[in-house]
Amino acid sequence: MRLFKKNYKTYSDEELMSFFIKGDRDAFKQIYERYGTYLVNFFNSKLWQDREKAEDFTQELFGKIIDRPAMFDTTKKFKTWLFTIASNMCKNEYKRVEIRKNHRNDLPVGFEAKDSNELQDRSVDKNSFSDSLQFELNGLNDKHKDVFVLRHFDGLSMKEIAEVLEINEGTVKSRLHHATKTLASKLEVYRKIIA
């Protein structure tokens, strides 16, 4: 009887994880292809634009999955589960940095104070918009920043965000509205330039 090679691209995340739990390493490779870059970008946006740290965290997360694939419940949505773990890793890192900051009395990279005249001193373009957006995002409290990043940077639905953050969808919408309104106000100077 002739055996056909699986076309892993046609399977859902949950099916791939089922295969991997049963020992199929190629199924994991497809999961990595789907989410590797995605997760690096997620960690990079949450961890002060530190690309090296983002890559380390991505490897650590995939390492956890390789070591204990059975911790995934295949009846759940894989993407939501993955981002819940990633989000928790970021929260733990924030706590670790906060403890270190209190001991060293300094700020982590990405939280340096910016000169209020900075925008007047340089030409305004899309790169400076990105810098300013990141700066203003870092100024939001975590609950508002998290919903904005998960929605607009990572493309999660309202329902997925609610599951990742363990809050209801109404709260997600409320926090997203607040974050968007605050950022729009702070970044008003860019409205005509970026439009």
C-alpha atoms as a PDB file:
ATOM      1  CA  MET A   1       0.000   0.000   0.000  1.00  0.00           C
ATOM      2  CA  ARG A   2       1.388   3.384  -1.035  1.00  0.00           C
ATOM      3  CA  LEU A   3       1.666   6.032   1.667  1.00  0.00           C
ATOM      4  CA  PHE A   4       1.085   9.679   0.827  1.00  0.00           C
ATOM      5  CA  LYS A   5       3.079  12.431   2.486  1.00  0.00           C
ATOM      6  CA  LYS A   6       0.902  14.806   4.486  1.00  0.00           C
ATOM      7  CA  ASN A   7       0.464  18.307   3.144  1.00  0.00           C
ATOM      8  CA  TYR A   8       0.813  20.030   6.515  1.00  0.00           C
ATOM      9  CA  LYS A   9      -0.233  23.421   5.158  1.00  0.00           C
ATOM     10  CA  THR A  10      -3.790  22.140   4.716  1.00  0.00           C
ATOM     11  CA  TYR A  11      -4.238  21.217   8.394  1.00  0.00           C
ATOM     12  CA  SER A  12      -5.517  23.464  11.178  1.00  0.00           C
ATOM     13  CA  ASP A  13      -3.248  24.476  14.057  1.00  0.00           C
ATOM     14  CA  GLU A  14      -5.177  22.165  16.345  1.00  0.00           C
ATOM     15  CA  GLU A  15      -4.756  19.178  13.998  1.00  0.00           C
ATOM     16  CA  LEU A  16      -1.037  19.875  13.683  1.00  0.00           C
ATOM     17  CA  MET A  17      -0.686  19.928  17.465  1.00  0.00           C
ATOM     18  CA  SER A  18      -2.550  16.609  17.664  1.00  0.00           C
ATOM     19  CA  PHE A  19      -0.034  15.126  15.232  1.00  0.00           C
ATOM     20  CA  PHE A  20       2.868  16.613  17.171  1.00  0.00           C
ATOM     21  CA  ILE A  21       1.604  15.272  20.499  1.00  0.00           C
ATOM     22  CA  LYS A  22       1.666  11.833  18.851  1.00  0.00           C
ATOM     23  CA  GLY A  23       5.320  12.362  17.854  1.00  0.00           C
ATOM     24  CA  ASP A  24       5.092  13.913  14.369  1.00  0.00           C
ATOM     25  CA  ARG A  25       7.989  16.415  14.323  1.00  0.00           C
ATOM     26  CA  ASP A  26       7.105  17.707  10.846  1.00  0.00           C
ATOM     27  CA  ALA A  27       3.770  18.937  12.186  1.00  0.00           C
ATOM     28  CA  PHE A  28       5.646  21.115  14.672  1.00  0.00           C
ATOM     29  CA  LYS A  29       7.793  22.561  11.879  1.00  0.00           C
ATOM     30  CA  GLN A  30       4.601  23.804  10.219  1.00  0.00           C
ATOM     31  CA  ILE A  31       3.429  25.384  13.498  1.00  0.00           C
ATOM     32  CA  TYR A  32       6.791  27.128  13.771  1.00  0.00           C
ATOM     33  CA  GLU A  33       6.564  28.386  10.184  1.00  0.00           C
ATOM     34  CA  ARG A  34       3.120  29.820  10.875  1.00  0.00           C
ATOM     35  CA  TYR A  35       3.898  31.546  14.147  1.00  0.00           C
ATOM     36  CA  GLY A  36       7.676  32.065  14.449  1.00  0.00           C
ATOM     37  CA  THR A  37       7.913  35.514  12.863  1.00  0.00           C
ATOM     38  CA  TYR A  38       4.487  36.429  14.224  1.00  0.00           C
ATOM     39  CA  LEU A  39       5.646  35.804  17.795  1.00  0.00           C
ATOM     40  CA  VAL A  40       8.967  37.620  17.365  1.00  0.00           C
ATOM     41  CA  ASN A  41       7.005  40.696  16.260  1.00  0.00           C
ATOM     42  CA  PHE A  42       4.573  40.278  19.167  1.00  0.00           C
ATOM     43  CA  PHE A  43       7.364  40.085  21.763  1.00  0.00           C
ATOM     44  CA  ASN A  44       9.266  42.905  20.056  1.00  0.00           C
ATOM     45  CA  SER A  45       6.257  45.230  20.350  1.00  0.00           C
ATOM     46  CA  LYS A  46       5.657  44.298  23.989  1.00  0.00           C
ATOM     47  CA  LEU A  47       9.272  44.197  25.206  1.00  0.00           C
ATOM     48  CA  TRP A  48      10.571  47.687  24.458  1.00  0.00           C
ATOM     49  CA  GLN A  49      11.473  47.021  20.799  1.00  0.00           C
ATOM     50  CA  ASP A  50      14.282  44.715  21.932  1.00  0.00           C
ATOM     51  CA  ARG A  51      14.591  42.371  18.933  1.00  0.00           C
ATOM     52  CA  GLU A  52      17.164  40.100  20.545  1.00  0.00           C
ATOM     53  CA  LYS A  53      14.996  39.649  23.628  1.00  0.00           C
ATOM     54  CA  ALA A  54      11.971  39.035  21.363  1.00  0.00           C
ATOM     55  CA  GLU A  55      13.820  36.276  19.523  1.00  0.00           C
ATOM     56  CA  ASP A  56      14.952  34.721  22.824  1.00  0.00           C
ATOM     57  CA  PHE A  57      11.390  34.738  24.168  1.00  0.00           C
ATOM     58  CA  THR A  58      10.076  33.176  20.962  1.00  0.00           C
ATOM     59  CA  GLN A  59      12.627  30.361  21.217  1.00  0.00           C
ATOM     60  CA  GLU A  60      11.786  29.883  24.890  1.00  0.00           C
ATOM     61  CA  LEU A  61       8.068  29.619  24.133  1.00  0.00           C
ATOM     62  CA  PHE A  62       8.578  27.084  21.341  1.00  0.00           C
ATOM     63  CA  GLY A  63      10.982  25.225  23.626  1.00  0.00           C
ATOM     64  CA  LYS A  64       8.184  24.872  26.180  1.00  0.00           C
ATOM     65  CA  ILE A  65       5.899  23.438  23.510  1.00  0.00           C
ATOM     66  CA  ILE A  66       8.573  20.962  22.357  1.00  0.00           C
ATOM     67  CA  ASP A  67       9.285  19.851  25.937  1.00  0.00           C
ATOM     68  CA  ARG A  68       5.629  19.491  26.924  1.00  0.00           C
ATOM     69  CA  PRO A  69       3.378  19.317  23.839  1.00  0.00           C
ATOM     70  CA  ALA A  70       0.635  17.564  25.812  1.00  0.00           C
ATOM     71  CA  MET A  71       0.029  20.715  27.864  1.00  0.00           C
ATOM     72  CA  PHE A  72      -2.030  21.929  24.879  1.00  0.00           C
ATOM     73  CA  ASP A  73      -5.692  20.928  25.051  1.00  0.00           C
ATOM     74  CA  THR A  74      -6.537  20.076  21.411  1.00  0.00           C
ATOM     75  CA  THR A  75     -10.201  20.986  22.006  1.00  0.00           C
ATOM     76  CA  LYS A  76      -9.112  24.628  22.491  1.00  0.00           C
ATOM     77  CA  LYS A  77      -8.073  27.190  19.865  1.00  0.00           C
ATOM     78  CA  PHE A  78      -4.293  27.007  19.451  1.00  0.00           C
ATOM     79  CA  LYS A  79      -3.734  30.665  18.515  1.00  0.00           C
ATOM     80  CA  THR A  80      -5.523  31.884  21.656  1.00  0.00           C
ATOM     81  CA  TRP A  81      -3.603  29.416  23.824  1.00  0.00           C
ATOM     82  CA  LEU A  82      -0.285  30.462  22.259  1.00  0.00           C
ATOM     83  CA  PHE A  83      -0.906  34.167  22.822  1.00  0.00           C
ATOM     84  CA  THR A  84      -2.052  33.549  26.386  1.00  0.00           C
ATOM     85  CA  ILE A  85       1.331  31.960  27.136  1.00  0.00           C
ATOM     86  CA  ALA A  86       3.177  34.755  25.296  1.00  0.00           C
ATOM     87  CA  SER A  87       1.206  37.419  27.171  1.00  0.00           C
ATOM     88  CA  ASN A  88       1.956  35.765  30.515  1.00  0.00           C
ATOM     89  CA  MET A  89       5.661  35.609  29.657  1.00  0.00           C
ATOM     90  CA  CYS A  90       5.597  39.379  29.026  1.00  0.00           C
ATOM     91  CA  LYS A  91       3.811  40.021  32.330  1.00  0.00           C
ATOM     92  CA  ASN A  92       6.469  38.022  34.157  1.00  0.00           C
ATOM     93  CA  GLU A  93       9.196  39.999  32.389  1.00  0.00           C
ATOM     94  CA  TYR A  94       7.542  43.308  33.381  1.00  0.00           C
ATOM     95  CA  LYS A  95       7.565  42.165  37.015  1.00  0.00           C
ATOM     96  CA  ARG A  96      11.206  41.102  36.775  1.00  0.00           C
ATOM     97  CA  VAL A  97      12.240  44.431  35.224  1.00  0.00           C
ATOM     98  CA  GLU A  98      10.206  46.359  37.814  1.00  0.00           C
ATOM     99  CA  ILE A  99      11.988  44.556  40.651  1.00  0.00           C
ATOM    100  CA  ARG A 100      15.371  45.229  39.036  1.00  0.00           C
ATOM    101  CA  LYS A 101      14.416  48.858  38.375  1.00  0.00           C
ATOM    102  CA  ASN A 102      13.477  49.360  42.028  1.00  0.00           C
ATOM    103  CA  HIS A 103      16.855  47.983  43.069  1.00  0.00           C
ATOM    104  CA  ARG A 104      18.891  49.911  40.501  1.00  0.00           C
ATOM    105  CA  ASN A 105      16.623  52.959  40.345  1.00  0.00           C
ATOM    106  CA  ASP A 106      16.730  53.206  36.554  1.00  0.00           C
ATOM    107  CA  LEU A 107      14.392  52.638  33.609  1.00  0.00           C
ATOM    108  CA  PRO A 108      14.417  49.727  31.164  1.00  0.00           C
ATOM    109  CA  VAL A 109      15.414  50.390  27.561  1.00  0.00           C
ATOM    110  CA  GLY A 110      12.543  52.020  25.696  1.00  0.00           C
ATOM    111  CA  PHE A 111      11.309  54.123  28.592  1.00  0.00           C
ATOM    112  CA  GLU A 112      13.744  57.020  28.332  1.00  0.00           C
ATOM    113  CA  ALA A 113      12.179  60.438  28.779  1.00  0.00           C
ATOM    114  CA  LYS A 114      11.748  62.267  25.487  1.00  0.00           C
ATOM    115  CA  ASP A 115      12.265  65.955  24.903  1.00  0.00           C
ATOM    116  CA  SER A 116       8.891  67.667  24.386  1.00  0.00           C
ATOM    117  CA  ASN A 117      10.434  69.780  21.622  1.00  0.00           C
ATOM    118  CA  GLU A 118      11.635  66.709  19.739  1.00  0.00           C
ATOM    119  CA  LEU A 119       8.895  66.849  17.111  1.00  0.00           C
ATOM    120  CA  GLN A 120       9.668  70.493  16.330  1.00  0.00           C
ATOM    121  CA  ASP A 121      13.361  69.711  15.913  1.00  0.00           C
ATOM    122  CA  ARG A 122      13.060  67.029  13.247  1.00  0.00           C
ATOM    123  CA  SER A 123      11.154  66.409  10.065  1.00  0.00           C
ATOM    124  CA  VAL A 124       7.905  64.572  10.624  1.00  0.00           C
ATOM    125  CA  ASP A 125       7.540  61.364   8.629  1.00  0.00           C
ATOM    126  CA  LYS A 126       6.117  57.891   9.018  1.00  0.00           C
ATOM    127  CA  ASN A 127       9.184  56.673  10.899  1.00  0.00           C
ATOM    128  CA  SER A 128       8.812  59.355  13.521  1.00  0.00           C
ATOM    129  CA  PHE A 129       5.097  58.505  13.693  1.00  0.00           C
ATOM    130  CA  SER A 130       6.012  54.894  14.497  1.00  0.00           C
ATOM    131  CA  ASP A 131       8.464  56.047  17.161  1.00  0.00           C
ATOM    132  CA  SER A 132       5.886  58.368  18.683  1.00  0.00           C
ATOM    133  CA  LEU A 133       3.171  55.722  18.563  1.00  0.00           C
ATOM    134  CA  GLN A 134       5.442  53.301  20.425  1.00  0.00           C
ATOM    135  CA  PHE A 135       6.326  55.977  22.975  1.00  0.00           C
ATOM    136  CA  GLU A 136       2.670  56.852  23.584  1.00  0.00           C
ATOM    137  CA  LEU A 137       1.737  53.157  23.745  1.00  0.00           C
ATOM    138  CA  ASN A 138       4.330  52.693  26.478  1.00  0.00           C
ATOM    139  CA  GLY A 139       2.655  55.568  28.313  1.00  0.00           C
ATOM    140  CA  LEU A 140      -0.672  53.717  28.470  1.00  0.00           C
ATOM    141  CA  ASN A 141      -1.369  51.447  31.396  1.00  0.00           C
ATOM    142  CA  ASP A 142      -0.938  47.734  30.648  1.00  0.00           C
ATOM    143  CA  LYS A 143      -4.637  46.889  30.377  1.00  0.00           C
ATOM    144  CA  HIS A 144      -5.217  49.456  27.619  1.00  0.00           C
ATOM    145  CA  LYS A 145      -1.901  48.837  25.867  1.00  0.00           C
ATOM    146  CA  ASP A 146      -2.469  45.071  25.769  1.00  0.00           C
ATOM    147  CA  VAL A 147      -5.829  45.248  23.985  1.00  0.00           C
ATOM    148  CA  PHE A 148      -4.514  47.793  21.453  1.00  0.00           C
ATOM    149  CA  VAL A 149      -1.410  45.729  20.605  1.00  0.00           C
ATOM    150  CA  LEU A 150      -3.307  42.429  20.389  1.00  0.00           C
ATOM    151  CA  ARG A 151      -5.935  43.995  18.119  1.00  0.00           C
ATOM    152  CA  HIS A 152      -3.910  46.258  15.821  1.00  0.00           C
ATOM    153  CA  PHE A 153      -0.429  44.702  15.841  1.00  0.00           C
ATOM    154  CA  ASP A 154      -1.315  41.026  16.182  1.00  0.00           C
ATOM    155  CA  GLY A 155      -4.703  40.951  14.461  1.00  0.00           C
ATOM    156  CA  LEU A 156      -6.593  39.057  17.146  1.00  0.00           C
ATOM    157  CA  SER A 157     -10.388  39.290  17.174  1.00  0.00           C
ATOM    158  CA  MET A 158     -12.295  40.809  20.110  1.00  0.00           C
ATOM    159  CA  LYS A 159     -13.251  37.295  21.211  1.00  0.00           C
ATOM    160  CA  GLU A 160      -9.651  36.035  21.038  1.00  0.00           C
ATOM    161  CA  ILE A 161      -8.403  39.043  23.026  1.00  0.00           C
ATOM    162  CA  ALA A 162     -11.066  38.396  25.666  1.00  0.00           C
ATOM    163  CA  GLU A 163      -9.893  34.777  25.962  1.00  0.00           C
ATOM    164  CA  VAL A 164      -6.189  35.676  26.093  1.00  0.00           C
ATOM    165  CA  LEU A 165      -6.686  38.354  28.764  1.00  0.00           C
ATOM    166  CA  GLU A 166      -9.462  36.456  30.571  1.00  0.00           C
ATOM    167  CA  ILE A 167     -11.932  39.360  30.443  1.00  0.00           C
ATOM    168  CA  ASN A 168     -15.296  39.768  28.688  1.00  0.00           C
ATOM    169  CA  GLU A 169     -15.679  41.205  25.185  1.00  0.00           C
ATOM    170  CA  GLY A 170     -17.431  44.319  26.473  1.00  0.00           C
ATOM    171  CA  THR A 171     -14.373  45.145  28.581  1.00  0.00           C
ATOM    172  CA  VAL A 172     -12.120  44.575  25.551  1.00  0.00           C
ATOM    173  CA  LYS A 173     -14.204  47.023  23.478  1.00  0.00           C
ATOM    174  CA  SER A 174     -14.220  49.595  26.263  1.00  0.00           C
ATOM    175  CA  ARG A 175     -10.447  49.403  26.775  1.00  0.00           C
ATOM    176  CA  LEU A 176      -9.783  49.487  23.033  1.00  0.00           C
ATOM    177  CA  HIS A 177     -11.992  52.570  22.641  1.00  0.00           C
ATOM    178  CA  HIS A 178     -10.176  54.313  25.498  1.00  0.00           C
ATOM    179  CA  ALA A 179      -6.726  53.426  24.117  1.00  0.00           C
ATOM    180  CA  THR A 180      -7.627  54.522  20.577  1.00  0.00           C
ATOM    181  CA  LYS A 181      -9.118  57.812  21.773  1.00  0.00           C
ATOM    182  CA  THR A 182      -6.081  58.560  23.965  1.00  0.00           C
ATOM    183  CA  LEU A 183      -3.574  57.741  21.222  1.00  0.00           C
ATOM    184  CA  ALA A 184      -5.519  59.737  18.608  1.00  0.00           C
ATOM    185  CA  SER A 185      -5.407  62.762  20.900  1.00  0.00           C
ATOM    186  CA  LYS A 186      -1.674  62.378  21.659  1.00  0.00           C
ATOM    187  CA  LEU A 187      -0.773  61.867  17.993  1.00  0.00           C
ATOM    188  CA  GLU A 188      -3.034  64.574  16.540  1.00  0.00           C
ATOM    189  CA  VAL A 189      -0.012  66.333  14.980  1.00  0.00           C
ATOM    190  CA  TYR A 190       0.359  63.413  12.529  1.00  0.00           C
ATOM    191  CA  ARG A 191      -3.260  63.285  11.332  1.00  0.00           C
ATOM    192  CA  LYS A 192      -2.752  65.069   7.978  1.00  0.00           C
ATOM    193  CA  ILE A 193       0.733  63.704   7.348  1.00  0.00           C
ATOM    194  CA  ILE A 194      -0.042  59.997   7.813  1.00  0.00           C
ATOM    195  CA  ALA A 195      -3.534  60.065   6.264  1.00  0.00           C
END
